[in-house]
Amino acid sequence: PGGKAKVTWPITVQGVDETTILFIATGGELSDAVEITLPVYNYSTPEVVGTAGQLSEPGERLEVVYLPQRMDPSQGELAVAIEPSLAASMREGLGYLEHYPYECIEQVVSRWLPNLLTYRALRRLGIERPDLERALRGLVPVGLQRIYAQQHPDGGWGWWLSDTSDPFLSGYVLLGLIEAQRGDFAVDQGAMDRAAEFLQQNLKAPRDVEHPWEYNAQAFILYVLAERGDLAPSRAVKLYEVRDRLASYGKAFLALALDLTNPRERTRVDALLSDLASEAILSATGAHWEEERDDVWTMNTDTRSTAIIVATLSRLDPENSLLPHAVRWLMAARKEGRWETTQETAWALMGLTDYMVASGELEADYSWRVLLDSEELGQGDVDASNLDEEQELRVGVAQLLREEGARPTDGHRLLIQRGKPVAGQTGRGQLYYTAHLRYFLPVEEVQATSRGVIVARQYSRADEPERVVDGAAANDTVQVKITLVAPHDLHYLVVEDPLPAGCEGIDRSLKTASVVGERPSLERVEGDGRGGWGWWWFSHTDLRDEKAVLFATYLPRGTYEYTYQIRASLPGRFLVMPTTAYEMYFPEVWGRSDGGVFTVTE
């Protein structure tokens, strides 16, 4: 009684994302217990490759799966998804948005807007989704409160609360509020009115537009105001007169705005749709659109443009012959059931929802079967009772390696079959499938990489910041320095720095006596001389149990050093995952540091 003792159990945890530990203590007639669940972060880098396809008629499709030469055999899997309809294929994307780990204003809206539109569409088509309804009851009210809290006095929103109001982002938020109100949620009318007034004040005549991307932002703002019923047709007509300056997705938004303001006048709308048809790129994978440049300030990519155009054609020209081909391309562009960014995923889901309503695609009556190296992985029948249910088939990497005692030199043969109709069946419907191989590189393969941004990390003692260390004593304060080299301007940058498992971050925002050390700081070491006072602040920082996260809406090219402090708490030898930096809406621009080892002594 009144004392304490330390007891250690060495354990190994592999192949899981979390583990639950139960401690039970007994003494005489007394007992106590505690159960805790801990996340498991593997020191390895996941890689995902995949393919997707569609079977509209009875037949089969062969895919070949090749395993890499070097990989961690204890982790990874081959995952095959059979999706009988768009309603089933959209589940993963909806879940990805719902559980996205960060909460800038765009992600707050994207978390529930596509879910809300999909739920309304499914109900309209006679499909009940009680799970989606329950999720929306929690997501939308919480999201609305975050939106109200982050609205600026001018009526607009920035990416984070500290950012200046951005007309394009503010339009996206207002669109979310409009759809929430249509979904019978209580929405603050004052917040909507202030947002609409902010957008009205930021409408520009074409002659006053300064940058090419602003024409597209203006088209989107016009569309959002038209959805609310606040737009005079003359505004959209003026932008139509310079439509050659619009990207494809800007033309799509303008067509929607024109149709909403004057649905009986189709001349301009048809001209814009004709422009879009002539700009489509046809290939074996379907139809898609490519822009001359990525509009970084509107978070636009070619995939997002294609999704927006799918939504536009579904509403304005549902019989367009390009539409099913564009849907096929969009479905093939997925990776693990979602697209590359929250904006791509949100607009893809909204576009597919519009197509699902317009096409009446929800008919299915067929059988399916999946074989891997002649062994059946699964089979089933599809009809109206289960056409919104995805079927998942999984095979672990370890099992793939064990087969035949060695890796097949010609790869594993994956065969997807769609059966012929039998008596009483129509054979109608679409079969969508995806196959993704997730594998992990071993520890020694995790090395620094640069794809548009260079990242490095070092640790030092807080009282000797010039002395680099790879360990500390328990209770010591350690300074972490992240060095970022941006060869060019970066937009919507995220920096994630995993902490050594034996350390914890020192949160300077907590005003307690236990907080010691220096406040985090960012210094620009080298740059091009651009930027005024305050340019160097990151928009938002997030200190979590397992990592520190930084966000910058805009970072001019140059070299930066960010420092913050952690405390060594648990003795042991800990592998440390690399620091990573990436543009949130253009994830092909990224970089990572070396991994490492950090030792905490008694």
Foldseek 3Di string as FASTA:
>chain_A
DPDDDDDDDDDDDFADQKDKDKDKDDDVPDIDIDIDMGGDDDLFDKDKDKWKAKDFFFDKDKDFFADDPFFDQRYWWKKKKKAQAVLQLQPQLLVCLLVPPDPFLLSLLLNPQLLLLLCVLCVVLVHHDVVSVVSCVPSVVVSLVVVVVLQDPQLAHDRHSQDDGDLLSLLSVLLSLLSVVVSVDDHDVVSNVSSLVSNVVPQDQPVPDDDLVVLLSNLSSLLSCLSVVNDALVSLVRSLVVCVSDWLLSLLSSLNSNCSNPVVDCPSSVVSVVVNVVQWDQDPQFIWHATPDAPQVNLDGRLLSLLSNLQSCLVPPLPDPRNVRSLSNNSRCDTSSAHQFSSSRSSNSNSSSSNCSSVVQQAAWWKKWKDKQNHTQDIDTDGNVDSSHMDMGMDRSNVCQPVVHGHDPRGIMMMIGIDHDDPPTDRGGMIMMMIMIMTIGDNVVFAWDFQQKGKAKFKDFLVCVVDTDQEEAAFGKIKMKMKMAGQFKAAFKKKKFWDFLQKAFQDPVDPDPVRDGDDKDKDFPWADPDDDPPQGDFSDWDGDGTIIMTTHRIDGGGMMMIMGMMGRHDFDKTKTHWMKMARNSHRSGIITHGIGIYGYHD
